[in-house]
Amino acid sequence: MNSPDTQFDWDRFVGVLTETVPGWPPGTSSTEVIAEVFPGTVERSIFFGVVGRLGRGLPDELIRTIVTVGDAFEWCQARWAGESFPSTVDPESFPDAGPARVALVPIEPGHLPQMYRASVDPDEGFRWRFRGSTPSFAEFQARLYEGVLCSFVVVDRNNGTTHGWVTAYNARFDAGHAWIGFVRFPGAARAGEMTEGLFLLLEHLFSRWAFRKVYAEVPEYNWVHLIGGKPGDPFLFPIEGRLVGHEYNANRWWDLLTVAIWRERWEEVAGPWRPFLVREPDGLHR
């Protein structure tokens, strides 16, 4: 690696993480394992999203090799010092205004086969709407917009890769709430892209309509997969309801959790992230 760039040191690295990553523990050392610092999947995805920008477009393949906080810092420092990695991200864009990695685009006919395959995938389909059943492609299309307020595909801005889709449904404008869900495409990157897509959807909902809160249903077996750790009160979606023994999967019964984020909490969380996620003034990527 080249000699360290004096413009990027440990204090700057930690300072940006403190401002942008929810739950960044004060006094975290370079030797600590990231999975232990952030047992929650959402917080860990945000961490890697920030590191990708601090590293001026570190490729996902490299980000997946990072284990400790020190690993992340060294790669970011090397990038600032002039190391070359394949990237289409503007190297001058961070930290003043980080580039959005993903965009929300309306669903088009060409997206439907991939969406269908994700929904009925034998390894992951049980996590989503159909819970392991395999409706026909025609039935899937017919039910796609039942009760839907808005639905978007999450697309990589740099290479056009589709990561999954996000949706808002069962909106009650009189009561000020709506529900959200998402599906990750099999084989899609797991460096925070779908977390950013979900954040873009929440920004869209809270900025376009006067919703007080947004709900999501999470089967307990999805909690570790999507959130991480034992169900409790994560930084973004506290649990507001629990149907005990409501879902059956892997030869046992699981609780169905209702989680929610209030508008006030969203404003607290979204503030540091808007420079990363919102490039157009209207807040919706096209």
Protein backbone atom coordinates (compact mmCIF):
# COMPACT_ATOMS: atom_id res chain seq x y z
CA MET A 1 0.00 0.00 0.00
CA ASN A 2 1.10 3.55 -0.58
CA SER A 3 2.06 5.91 2.23
CA PRO A 4 -0.96 7.17 4.21
CA ASP A 5 -2.82 10.20 2.88
CA THR A 6 -2.57 12.96 5.49
CA GLN A 7 -6.08 14.08 4.49
CA PHE A 8 -7.57 10.81 5.70
CA ASP A 9 -6.66 9.42 9.12
CA TRP A 10 -8.28 7.35 11.87
CA ASP A 11 -9.92 10.38 13.49
CA ARG A 12 -11.59 11.37 10.24
CA PHE A 13 -12.69 7.80 9.62
CA VAL A 14 -14.22 7.50 13.09
CA GLY A 15 -15.74 10.97 12.88
CA VAL A 16 -17.71 10.17 9.73
CA LEU A 17 -18.86 6.81 11.14
CA THR A 18 -19.99 8.48 14.38
CA GLU A 19 -22.12 10.96 12.41
CA THR A 20 -23.64 8.54 9.93
CA VAL A 21 -23.84 5.01 11.40
CA PRO A 22 -26.55 4.54 14.04
CA GLY A 23 -25.21 2.89 17.16
CA TRP A 24 -21.52 3.42 16.40
CA PRO A 25 -19.95 2.64 19.81
CA PRO A 26 -17.61 5.33 21.18
CA GLY A 27 -14.09 4.07 21.69
CA THR A 28 -14.33 1.29 19.11
CA SER A 29 -10.82 -0.02 18.32
CA SER A 30 -9.37 -1.08 14.99
CA THR A 31 -9.10 -4.72 16.10
CA GLU A 32 -12.80 -5.22 16.81
CA VAL A 33 -14.76 -7.54 14.55
CA ILE A 34 -17.49 -5.71 12.64
CA ALA A 35 -20.04 -8.50 13.13
CA GLU A 36 -19.59 -8.11 16.90
CA VAL A 37 -19.70 -4.32 16.85
CA PHE A 38 -22.91 -4.47 14.77
CA PRO A 39 -24.78 -7.72 15.47
CA GLY A 40 -27.80 -6.21 13.70
CA THR A 41 -27.89 -6.73 9.94
CA VAL A 42 -29.35 -3.29 9.21
CA GLU A 43 -26.71 -1.40 11.18
CA ARG A 44 -23.98 -3.55 9.62
CA SER A 45 -25.33 -2.83 6.13
CA ILE A 46 -25.25 0.89 6.86
CA PHE A 47 -21.66 0.58 8.09
CA PHE A 48 -20.56 -1.11 4.87
CA GLY A 49 -22.48 1.44 2.81
CA VAL A 50 -20.58 4.26 4.49
CA VAL A 51 -17.26 2.42 4.13
CA GLY A 52 -17.93 1.99 0.42
CA ARG A 53 -18.18 5.75 0.09
CA LEU A 54 -15.32 6.55 2.42
CA GLY A 55 -13.29 4.20 0.26
CA ARG A 56 -14.26 6.28 -2.77
CA GLY A 57 -16.10 3.49 -4.48
CA LEU A 58 -14.55 0.35 -3.01
CA PRO A 59 -15.97 -2.55 -5.05
CA ASP A 60 -18.40 -4.91 -3.32
CA GLU A 61 -16.03 -7.83 -3.91
CA LEU A 62 -13.42 -6.11 -1.72
CA ILE A 63 -15.92 -4.94 0.89
CA ARG A 64 -16.98 -8.56 1.45
CA THR A 65 -13.42 -9.39 2.59
CA ILE A 66 -13.46 -6.80 5.41
CA VAL A 67 -13.64 -8.44 8.86
CA THR A 68 -12.38 -5.89 11.40
CA VAL A 69 -12.84 -2.14 11.74
CA GLY A 70 -9.11 -1.82 11.05
CA ASP A 71 -9.51 -3.66 7.75
CA ALA A 72 -12.11 -1.13 6.68
CA PHE A 73 -9.93 1.81 7.69
CA GLU A 74 -6.84 0.47 5.90
CA TRP A 75 -8.66 -0.07 2.63
CA CYS A 76 -10.26 3.38 2.82
CA GLN A 77 -6.90 4.97 3.64
CA ALA A 78 -5.27 3.15 0.74
CA ARG A 79 -7.97 4.43 -1.59
CA TRP A 80 -7.39 8.00 -0.47
CA ALA A 81 -3.65 7.48 -0.90
CA GLY A 82 -4.12 6.64 -4.56
CA GLU A 83 -4.61 2.89 -4.75
CA SER A 84 -6.60 1.99 -7.85
CA PHE A 85 -9.70 -0.22 -7.73
CA PRO A 86 -12.28 -0.67 -10.51
CA SER A 87 -15.06 1.82 -9.85
CA THR A 88 -17.38 4.23 -11.60
CA VAL A 89 -17.95 6.34 -8.49
CA ASP A 90 -16.73 9.94 -8.64
CA PRO A 91 -13.65 9.94 -6.34
CA GLU A 92 -14.25 13.54 -5.31
CA SER A 93 -17.83 13.04 -4.18
CA PHE A 94 -17.26 12.04 -0.54
CA PRO A 95 -17.58 13.25 2.17
CA ASP A 96 -19.30 16.46 1.05
CA ALA A 97 -22.08 14.70 -0.86
CA GLY A 98 -21.80 10.95 -1.18
CA PRO A 99 -23.19 9.40 -4.36
CA ALA A 100 -26.35 7.36 -4.12
CA ARG A 101 -25.44 3.76 -4.94
CA VAL A 102 -28.96 2.68 -5.82
CA ALA A 103 -32.04 4.15 -7.46
CA LEU A 104 -35.73 3.33 -7.17
CA VAL A 105 -37.27 2.76 -10.59
CA PRO A 106 -40.88 1.89 -11.46
CA ILE A 107 -41.58 -1.75 -12.24
CA GLU A 108 -41.53 -2.55 -15.95
CA PRO A 109 -42.50 -5.76 -17.78
CA GLY A 110 -38.86 -6.78 -18.10
CA HIS A 111 -38.51 -6.89 -14.31
CA LEU A 112 -41.35 -9.34 -13.76
CA PRO A 113 -39.57 -12.66 -14.49
CA GLN A 114 -36.82 -11.89 -11.96
CA MET A 115 -39.37 -10.73 -9.39
CA TYR A 116 -41.35 -13.92 -9.88
CA ARG A 117 -38.30 -16.15 -9.54
CA ALA A 118 -37.32 -14.39 -6.29
CA SER A 119 -40.82 -14.84 -4.86
CA VAL A 120 -40.89 -18.59 -5.49
CA ASP A 121 -37.18 -19.34 -5.07
CA PRO A 122 -36.89 -22.73 -3.28
CA ASP A 123 -34.15 -21.46 -0.94
CA GLU A 124 -35.45 -17.98 -0.10
CA GLY A 125 -39.06 -17.77 -1.28
CA PHE A 126 -40.42 -18.90 2.10
CA ARG A 127 -39.25 -15.59 3.58
CA TRP A 128 -41.53 -13.49 1.42
CA ARG A 129 -45.18 -13.10 0.60
CA PHE A 130 -46.02 -16.59 -0.64
CA ARG A 131 -44.26 -18.40 2.23
CA GLY A 132 -42.95 -21.19 0.05
CA SER A 133 -45.97 -21.71 -2.23
CA THR A 134 -45.50 -21.36 -5.99
CA PRO A 135 -48.33 -19.45 -7.69
CA SER A 136 -48.32 -19.40 -11.46
CA PHE A 137 -46.62 -16.50 -13.22
CA ALA A 138 -50.06 -15.24 -14.32
CA GLU A 139 -51.37 -15.35 -10.73
CA PHE A 140 -48.23 -13.58 -9.51
CA GLN A 141 -48.80 -10.78 -12.02
CA ALA A 142 -52.48 -10.51 -11.12
CA ARG A 143 -51.71 -10.15 -7.40
CA LEU A 144 -48.66 -7.91 -7.72
CA TYR A 145 -50.53 -4.66 -7.13
CA GLU A 146 -53.22 -5.81 -4.70
CA GLY A 147 -53.51 -3.03 -2.12
CA VAL A 148 -50.26 -1.43 -3.29
CA LEU A 149 -49.62 2.29 -2.90
CA CYS A 150 -46.24 2.30 -4.66
CA SER A 151 -43.67 -0.28 -5.68
CA PHE A 152 -40.14 0.08 -7.08
CA VAL A 153 -37.22 -2.02 -8.23
CA VAL A 154 -33.91 -1.25 -6.50
CA VAL A 155 -31.31 -0.73 -9.23
CA ASP A 156 -27.55 -0.15 -8.95
CA ARG A 157 -26.69 3.29 -10.31
CA ASN A 158 -23.25 2.25 -11.52
CA ASN A 159 -23.93 -0.91 -13.48
CA GLY A 160 -27.71 -1.29 -13.69
CA THR A 161 -27.80 -4.46 -11.57
CA THR A 162 -31.18 -5.11 -9.96
CA HIS A 163 -30.98 -5.96 -6.25
CA GLY A 164 -34.65 -6.51 -5.38
CA TRP A 165 -37.85 -4.55 -4.98
CA VAL A 166 -39.57 -2.53 -2.27
CA THR A 167 -43.26 -1.84 -1.86
CA ALA A 168 -45.73 0.11 0.26
CA TYR A 169 -49.25 -1.25 0.68
CA ASN A 170 -52.45 -1.13 2.76
CA ALA A 171 -52.16 2.64 3.17
CA ARG A 172 -54.67 4.21 5.56
CA PHE A 173 -54.56 7.94 4.92
CA ASP A 174 -57.30 8.58 7.48
CA ALA A 175 -55.25 6.82 10.19
CA GLY A 176 -51.86 8.04 8.94
CA HIS A 177 -50.05 4.76 8.38
CA ALA A 178 -48.96 2.27 5.71
CA TRP A 179 -47.14 -1.05 5.49
CA ILE A 180 -43.89 -1.84 3.70
CA GLY A 181 -42.17 -4.96 2.43
CA PHE A 182 -39.21 -5.93 0.29
CA VAL A 183 -37.76 -8.89 -1.58
CA ARG A 184 -34.07 -9.38 -2.29
CA PHE A 185 -33.23 -11.08 -5.56
CA PRO A 186 -31.28 -14.37 -5.22
CA GLY A 187 -27.56 -13.75 -5.67
CA ALA A 188 -27.86 -9.99 -5.16
CA ALA A 189 -25.06 -8.15 -3.37
CA ARG A 190 -25.32 -7.88 0.41
CA ALA A 191 -23.30 -4.74 1.09
CA GLY A 192 -26.22 -2.57 2.16
CA GLU A 193 -27.86 -1.98 -1.23
CA MET A 194 -31.32 -3.22 -0.20
CA THR A 195 -31.06 -1.33 3.09
CA GLU A 196 -30.51 1.84 1.07
CA GLY A 197 -33.43 0.93 -1.19
CA LEU A 198 -35.63 0.52 1.88
CA PHE A 199 -34.46 3.89 3.20
CA LEU A 200 -35.30 5.51 -0.14
CA LEU A 201 -38.80 4.04 0.07
CA LEU A 202 -39.28 5.39 3.61
CA GLU A 203 -38.03 8.81 2.52
CA HIS A 204 -40.50 8.71 -0.36
CA LEU A 205 -43.41 7.78 1.92
CA PHE A 206 -42.74 10.31 4.66
CA SER A 207 -41.97 13.14 2.23
CA ARG A 208 -44.98 12.57 -0.07
CA TRP A 209 -47.74 11.78 2.40
CA ALA A 210 -48.57 12.79 5.97
CA PHE A 211 -48.05 9.31 7.42
CA ARG A 212 -47.44 9.21 11.16
CA LYS A 213 -45.82 5.78 11.06
CA VAL A 214 -44.95 2.89 8.77
CA TYR A 215 -45.37 -0.79 9.70
CA ALA A 216 -43.73 -4.02 8.58
CA GLU A 217 -44.53 -7.66 9.32
CA VAL A 218 -41.50 -9.79 10.15
CA PRO A 219 -41.78 -13.54 10.81
CA GLU A 220 -39.46 -14.35 13.70
CA TYR A 221 -37.36 -16.67 11.54
CA ASN A 222 -36.61 -13.66 9.31
CA TRP A 223 -35.45 -11.51 12.20
CA VAL A 224 -31.92 -12.88 12.43
CA HIS A 225 -31.69 -13.00 8.63
CA LEU A 226 -32.81 -9.40 8.09
CA ILE A 227 -32.24 -7.56 11.38
CA GLY A 228 -29.84 -9.71 13.38
CA GLY A 229 -29.73 -10.95 16.96
CA LYS A 230 -32.61 -11.78 19.24
CA PRO A 231 -35.85 -9.88 18.55
CA GLY A 232 -35.88 -6.77 20.68
CA ASP A 233 -35.82 -3.06 19.97
CA PRO A 234 -33.42 -2.35 17.10
CA PHE A 235 -32.40 1.20 16.32
CA LEU A 236 -34.98 1.70 13.57
CA PHE A 237 -37.96 -0.67 13.92
CA PRO A 238 -39.12 -1.32 17.49
CA ILE A 239 -41.55 -4.20 17.94
CA GLU A 240 -45.14 -3.05 18.52
CA GLY A 241 -46.99 -6.35 18.26
CA ARG A 242 -46.46 -10.10 18.41
CA LEU A 243 -48.70 -12.96 17.27
CA VAL A 244 -47.36 -15.95 19.19
CA GLY A 245 -46.82 -19.19 17.27
CA HIS A 246 -48.37 -17.71 14.13
CA GLU A 247 -46.02 -19.00 11.41
CA TYR A 248 -44.80 -22.52 10.73
CA ASN A 249 -41.37 -23.09 9.17
CA ALA A 250 -38.48 -25.56 9.49
CA ASN A 251 -40.54 -27.95 11.64
CA ARG A 252 -41.48 -25.44 14.34
CA TRP A 253 -43.81 -22.55 15.11
CA TRP A 254 -42.61 -18.94 15.06
CA ASP A 255 -44.02 -15.61 16.22
CA LEU A 256 -45.11 -13.00 13.69
CA LEU A 257 -43.78 -9.58 14.69
CA THR A 258 -45.21 -6.18 13.82
CA VAL A 259 -42.54 -3.49 13.81
CA ALA A 260 -42.97 0.22 13.15
CA ILE A 261 -41.09 3.43 12.58
CA TRP A 262 -42.62 6.75 13.55
CA ARG A 263 -42.07 9.90 11.50
CA GLU A 264 -40.15 11.56 14.34
CA ARG A 265 -37.78 8.61 14.63
CA TRP A 266 -37.29 8.55 10.87
CA GLU A 267 -36.21 12.18 10.94
CA GLU A 268 -33.58 11.34 13.56
CA VAL A 269 -32.22 8.41 11.56
CA ALA A 270 -32.52 9.89 8.08
CA GLY A 271 -30.82 13.21 8.79
CA PRO A 272 -27.21 12.00 8.45
CA TRP A 273 -28.16 9.78 5.50
CA ARG A 274 -29.89 12.24 3.20
CA PRO A 275 -26.59 13.48 1.71
CA PHE A 276 -25.88 9.86 0.74
CA LEU A 277 -29.29 8.84 -0.52
CA VAL A 278 -30.94 11.91 -2.01
CA ARG A 279 -29.30 13.39 -5.08
CA GLU A 280 -32.32 14.85 -6.87
CA PRO A 281 -34.14 17.63 -4.99
CA ASP A 282 -37.46 15.76 -4.97
CA GLY A 283 -35.93 12.78 -3.14
CA LEU A 284 -36.99 10.05 -5.59
CA HIS A 285 -34.32 8.56 -7.85
CA ARG A 286 -35.35 7.96 -11.43
